[in-house]
C-alpha atoms as a PDB file:
ATOM      1  CA  MET A   1    -125.583  59.194  43.427  1.00  0.00           C
ATOM      2  CA  SER A   2    -127.180  62.653  43.463  1.00  0.00           C
ATOM      3  CA  SER A   3    -126.073  65.448  41.189  1.00  0.00           C
ATOM      4  CA  LYS A   4    -124.463  67.156  44.226  1.00  0.00           C
ATOM      5  CA  GLY A   5    -122.161  64.184  45.020  1.00  0.00           C
ATOM      6  CA  LYS A   6    -118.695  63.509  43.692  1.00  0.00           C
ATOM      7  CA  PRO A   7    -118.384  62.237  40.140  1.00  0.00           C
ATOM      8  CA  PRO A   8    -117.430  58.578  39.875  1.00  0.00           C
ATOM      9  CA  GLU A   9    -113.680  57.955  39.821  1.00  0.00           C
ATOM     10  CA  PRO A  10    -112.187  56.709  36.562  1.00  0.00           C
ATOM     11  CA  PRO A  11    -111.089  53.074  36.562  1.00  0.00           C
ATOM     12  CA  LYS A  12    -107.616  52.545  38.021  1.00  0.00           C
ATOM     13  CA  PRO A  13    -104.936  51.396  35.611  1.00  0.00           C
ATOM     14  CA  GLY A  14    -103.935  47.763  35.875  1.00  0.00           C
ATOM     15  CA  ILE A  15    -102.228  45.099  33.867  1.00  0.00           C
ATOM     16  CA  ASP A  16    -104.516  43.429  31.388  1.00  0.00           C
ATOM     17  CA  SER A  17    -102.997  40.008  30.755  1.00  0.00           C
ATOM     18  CA  ALA A  18    -105.105  39.546  27.614  1.00  0.00           C
ATOM     19  CA  ALA A  19    -103.673  42.778  26.186  1.00  0.00           C
ATOM     20  CA  VAL A  20    -100.140  41.638  27.014  1.00  0.00           C
ATOM     21  CA  ARG A  21    -100.789  38.333  25.219  1.00  0.00           C
ATOM     22  CA  GLU A  22    -102.190  40.161  22.186  1.00  0.00           C
ATOM     23  CA  LEU A  23     -99.174  42.487  22.068  1.00  0.00           C
ATOM     24  CA  ALA A  24     -96.773  39.540  22.379  1.00  0.00           C
ATOM     25  CA  GLN A  25     -98.558  37.821  19.492  1.00  0.00           C
ATOM     26  CA  LEU A  26     -98.358  41.027  17.459  1.00  0.00           C
ATOM     27  CA  LEU A  27     -94.588  41.178  18.103  1.00  0.00           C
ATOM     28  CA  LYS A  28     -94.261  37.608  16.882  1.00  0.00           C
ATOM     29  CA  GLU A  29     -96.371  38.204  13.767  1.00  0.00           C
ATOM     30  CA  THR A  30     -94.666  41.456  12.745  1.00  0.00           C
ATOM     31  CA  GLY A  31     -91.094  40.682  13.763  1.00  0.00           C
ATOM     32  CA  LEU A  32     -90.918  43.837  15.890  1.00  0.00           C
ATOM     33  CA  THR A  33     -88.736  43.763  19.022  1.00  0.00           C
ATOM     34  CA  GLU A  34     -90.783  46.150  21.156  1.00  0.00           C
ATOM     35  CA  ILE A  35     -94.272  47.659  21.268  1.00  0.00           C
ATOM     36  CA  GLU A  36     -95.905  50.007  23.785  1.00  0.00           C
ATOM     37  CA  ILE A  37     -99.508  51.149  24.198  1.00  0.00           C
ATOM     38  CA  GLU A  38    -101.280  53.493  26.578  1.00  0.00           C
ATOM     39  CA  HIS A  39    -105.003  53.163  27.283  1.00  0.00           C
ATOM     40  CA  ASN A  40    -107.119  54.602  30.129  1.00  0.00           C
ATOM     41  CA  GLY A  41    -104.021  55.723  32.029  1.00  0.00           C
ATOM     42  CA  ALA A  42    -102.280  52.326  31.862  1.00  0.00           C
ATOM     43  CA  ARG A  43     -99.122  51.905  29.816  1.00  0.00           C
ATOM     44  CA  ILE A  44     -97.994  48.465  28.680  1.00  0.00           C
ATOM     45  CA  ARG A  45     -94.652  47.825  26.978  1.00  0.00           C
ATOM     46  CA  VAL A  46     -93.799  44.402  25.610  1.00  0.00           C
ATOM     47  CA  SER A  47     -90.205  43.756  24.518  1.00  0.00           C
ATOM     48  CA  ARG A  48     -88.850  40.673  22.883  1.00  0.00           C
ATOM     49  CA  GLY A  49     -85.380  39.607  24.001  1.00  0.00           C
ATOM     50  CA  ALA A  50     -83.410  36.643  22.719  1.00  0.00           C
ATOM     51  CA  ALA A  51     -85.762  33.993  24.102  1.00  0.00           C
ATOM     52  CA  ALA A  52     -89.295  35.202  24.864  1.00  0.00           C
ATOM     53  CA  PRO A  53     -91.462  38.337  25.121  1.00  0.00           C
ATOM     54  CA  VAL A  54     -91.213  40.306  28.376  1.00  0.00           C
ATOM     55  CA  ALA A  55     -93.964  42.685  29.561  1.00  0.00           C
ATOM     56  CA  GLN A  56     -93.301  45.778  31.649  1.00  0.00           C
ATOM     57  CA  ALA A  57     -95.825  48.031  33.361  1.00  0.00           C
ATOM     58  CA  SER A  58     -95.162  51.769  33.620  1.00  0.00           C
ATOM     59  CA  ALA A  59     -93.710  51.284  37.114  1.00  0.00           C
ATOM     60  CA  PRO A  60     -89.935  51.715  37.388  1.00  0.00           C
ATOM     61  CA  ALA A  61     -88.265  48.918  35.497  1.00  0.00           C
ATOM     62  CA  ALA A  62     -86.648  46.126  37.446  1.00  0.00           C
ATOM     63  CA  ALA A  63     -83.747  44.056  36.215  1.00  0.00           C
ATOM     64  CA  PRO A  64     -84.932  40.817  34.647  1.00  0.00           C
ATOM     65  CA  ALA A  65     -84.214  37.582  36.480  1.00  0.00           C
ATOM     66  CA  PRO A  66     -81.224  35.722  35.081  1.00  0.00           C
ATOM     67  CA  ALA A  67     -82.165  32.736  32.932  1.00  0.00           C
ATOM     68  CA  ALA A  68     -80.967  29.260  33.806  1.00  0.00           C
ATOM     69  CA  ALA A  69     -77.990  28.436  31.603  1.00  0.00           C
ATOM     70  CA  PRO A  70     -75.107  26.014  31.555  1.00  0.00           C
ATOM     71  CA  ALA A  71     -72.182  27.035  33.768  1.00  0.00           C
ATOM     72  CA  VAL A  72     -69.919  27.481  30.741  1.00  0.00           C
ATOM     73  CA  SER A  73     -72.015  30.123  28.950  1.00  0.00           C
ATOM     74  CA  GLY A  74     -74.129  33.128  29.817  1.00  0.00           C
ATOM     75  CA  PRO A  75     -73.425  36.465  31.435  1.00  0.00           C
ATOM     76  CA  PRO A  76     -70.988  36.594  34.349  1.00  0.00           C
ATOM     77  CA  ALA A  77     -72.379  36.652  37.879  1.00  0.00           C
ATOM     78  CA  GLY A  78     -73.214  40.200  38.951  1.00  0.00           C
ATOM     79  CA  THR A  79     -74.117  41.354  35.443  1.00  0.00           C
ATOM     80  CA  VAL A  80     -76.486  44.338  35.364  1.00  0.00           C
ATOM     81  CA  PRO A  81     -78.517  44.126  32.124  1.00  0.00           C
ATOM     82  CA  SER A  82     -80.378  46.998  30.508  1.00  0.00           C
ATOM     83  CA  PRO A  83     -84.107  46.711  31.301  1.00  0.00           C
ATOM     84  CA  MET A  84     -85.017  48.732  28.193  1.00  0.00           C
ATOM     85  CA  VAL A  85     -83.944  50.187  24.874  1.00  0.00           C
ATOM     86  CA  GLY A  86     -82.685  53.756  25.074  1.00  0.00           C
ATOM     87  CA  THR A  87     -79.692  56.050  25.467  1.00  0.00           C
ATOM     88  CA  VAL A  88     -77.446  55.470  28.487  1.00  0.00           C
ATOM     89  CA  PHE A  89     -75.906  58.270  30.536  1.00  0.00           C
ATOM     90  CA  LEU A  90     -73.134  57.691  33.072  1.00  0.00           C
ATOM     91  CA  SER A  91     -73.667  60.913  35.060  1.00  0.00           C
ATOM     92  CA  PRO A  92     -76.671  62.881  36.328  1.00  0.00           C
ATOM     93  CA  GLU A  93     -75.984  65.704  33.860  1.00  0.00           C
ATOM     94  CA  PRO A  94     -73.261  66.787  31.419  1.00  0.00           C
ATOM     95  CA  GLY A  95     -70.049  67.855  33.147  1.00  0.00           C
ATOM     96  CA  LYS A  96     -70.872  66.084  36.415  1.00  0.00           C
ATOM     97  CA  PRO A  97     -68.916  63.055  37.714  1.00  0.00           C
ATOM     98  CA  ALA A  98     -70.105  59.587  36.683  1.00  0.00           C
ATOM     99  CA  PHE A  99     -72.348  57.659  39.075  1.00  0.00           C
ATOM    100  CA  ILE A 100     -69.869  54.749  39.164  1.00  0.00           C
ATOM    101  CA  ALA A 101     -66.275  53.875  38.270  1.00  0.00           C
ATOM    102  CA  VAL A 102     -64.401  50.586  38.001  1.00  0.00           C
ATOM    103  CA  GLY A 103     -63.173  49.651  41.466  1.00  0.00           C
ATOM    104  CA  LYS A 104     -65.787  51.770  43.264  1.00  0.00           C
ATOM    105  CA  SER A 105     -68.047  50.072  45.808  1.00  0.00           C
ATOM    106  CA  VAL A 106     -71.816  50.452  45.466  1.00  0.00           C
ATOM    107  CA  LYS A 107     -74.716  49.609  47.756  1.00  0.00           C
ATOM    108  CA  GLU A 108     -77.953  47.951  46.712  1.00  0.00           C
ATOM    109  CA  GLY A 109     -80.252  50.662  45.331  1.00  0.00           C
ATOM    110  CA  ASP A 110     -77.457  53.103  44.355  1.00  0.00           C
ATOM    111  CA  THR A 111     -77.995  54.743  40.950  1.00  0.00           C
ATOM    112  CA  LEU A 112     -75.618  53.251  38.384  1.00  0.00           C
ATOM    113  CA  PHE A 113     -76.851  54.830  35.139  1.00  0.00           C
ATOM    114  CA  ILE A 114     -79.705  56.779  33.613  1.00  0.00           C
ATOM    115  CA  ILE A 115     -81.382  55.439  30.485  1.00  0.00           C
ATOM    116  CA  GLU A 116     -83.445  57.866  28.445  1.00  0.00           C
ATOM    117  CA  ALA A 117     -86.320  56.112  26.708  1.00  0.00           C
ATOM    118  CA  MET A 118     -89.130  58.016  25.005  1.00  0.00           C
ATOM    119  CA  LYS A 119     -87.967  61.309  26.574  1.00  0.00           C
ATOM    120  CA  THR A 120     -88.215  59.778  30.066  1.00  0.00           C
ATOM    121  CA  MET A 121     -85.141  59.490  32.299  1.00  0.00           C
ATOM    122  CA  ASN A 122     -85.029  56.094  34.048  1.00  0.00           C
ATOM    123  CA  ALA A 123     -82.602  55.526  36.917  1.00  0.00           C
ATOM    124  CA  ILE A 124     -80.932  52.117  36.772  1.00  0.00           C
ATOM    125  CA  THR A 125     -80.064  51.025  40.304  1.00  0.00           C
ATOM    126  CA  ALA A 126     -77.709  48.421  41.724  1.00  0.00           C
ATOM    127  CA  PRO A 127     -79.527  45.107  42.303  1.00  0.00           C
ATOM    128  CA  LYS A 128     -76.943  44.242  44.976  1.00  0.00           C
ATOM    129  CA  GLY A 129     -74.002  45.773  46.780  1.00  0.00           C
ATOM    130  CA  GLY A 130     -70.426  45.118  45.751  1.00  0.00           C
ATOM    131  CA  LYS A 131     -67.494  46.415  43.744  1.00  0.00           C
ATOM    132  CA  VAL A 132     -67.849  47.584  40.129  1.00  0.00           C
ATOM    133  CA  VAL A 133     -65.500  45.373  38.092  1.00  0.00           C
ATOM    134  CA  GLU A 134     -66.606  46.327  34.544  1.00  0.00           C
ATOM    135  CA  ILE A 135     -68.475  49.149  32.830  1.00  0.00           C
ATOM    136  CA  ASN A 136     -69.601  47.934  29.410  1.00  0.00           C
ATOM    137  CA  VAL A 137     -71.228  51.070  27.960  1.00  0.00           C
ATOM    138  CA  ALA A 138     -70.144  54.571  26.983  1.00  0.00           C
ATOM    139  CA  ASP A 139     -71.902  57.812  27.875  1.00  0.00           C
ATOM    140  CA  GLY A 140     -74.555  58.897  25.370  1.00  0.00           C
ATOM    141  CA  ASN A 141     -74.565  55.611  23.442  1.00  0.00           C
ATOM    142  CA  PRO A 142     -77.672  53.586  22.578  1.00  0.00           C
ATOM    143  CA  VAL A 143     -78.334  50.385  24.544  1.00  0.00           C
ATOM    144  CA  GLU A 144     -80.537  47.395  23.773  1.00  0.00           C
ATOM    145  CA  PHE A 145     -82.821  45.432  26.065  1.00  0.00           C
ATOM    146  CA  GLY A 146     -80.738  42.854  27.970  1.00  0.00           C
ATOM    147  CA  GLN A 147     -77.383  44.405  27.002  1.00  0.00           C
ATOM    148  CA  THR A 148     -74.806  44.217  29.818  1.00  0.00           C
ATOM    149  CA  LEU A 149     -74.362  47.671  31.359  1.00  0.00           C
ATOM    150  CA  CYS A 150     -71.846  46.726  34.055  1.00  0.00           C
ATOM    151  CA  VAL A 151     -70.705  43.900  36.309  1.00  0.00           C
ATOM    152  CA  ILE A 152     -70.759  44.110  40.115  1.00  0.00           C
ATOM    153  CA  ALA A 153     -68.766  41.523  42.109  1.00  0.00           C
END
């Protein structure tokens, strides 16, 4: 390209599966529960839950798929787990009403909570519509990856 043309665009961020594997191995070797790196505009976070490492791109976090478990154990149907480690907030800002309340109906995509992780506010949305039957966290408290935030029936 001539010197008068546009400069070449930087490479677009993408998920590097080899990097995810290396980070998962590093978690295993060090005993850490979570690690995050940023390189060339791509951010990769690998968290280790109870069973296996889980990788997340910098896109908005989605609720993990429920694991197959015997009918007698496991989280109740409609459980909304935390997709990350952070501090949970029940309202959009201090002094404002909470996003949800027990007995309130929600639609799929409604904001249920905000989790602050690494100074970033992440909206946690309802994976399905229904009635809120339990809220399992308190405003301003820390939450762990996979911890039950609420139950929607």
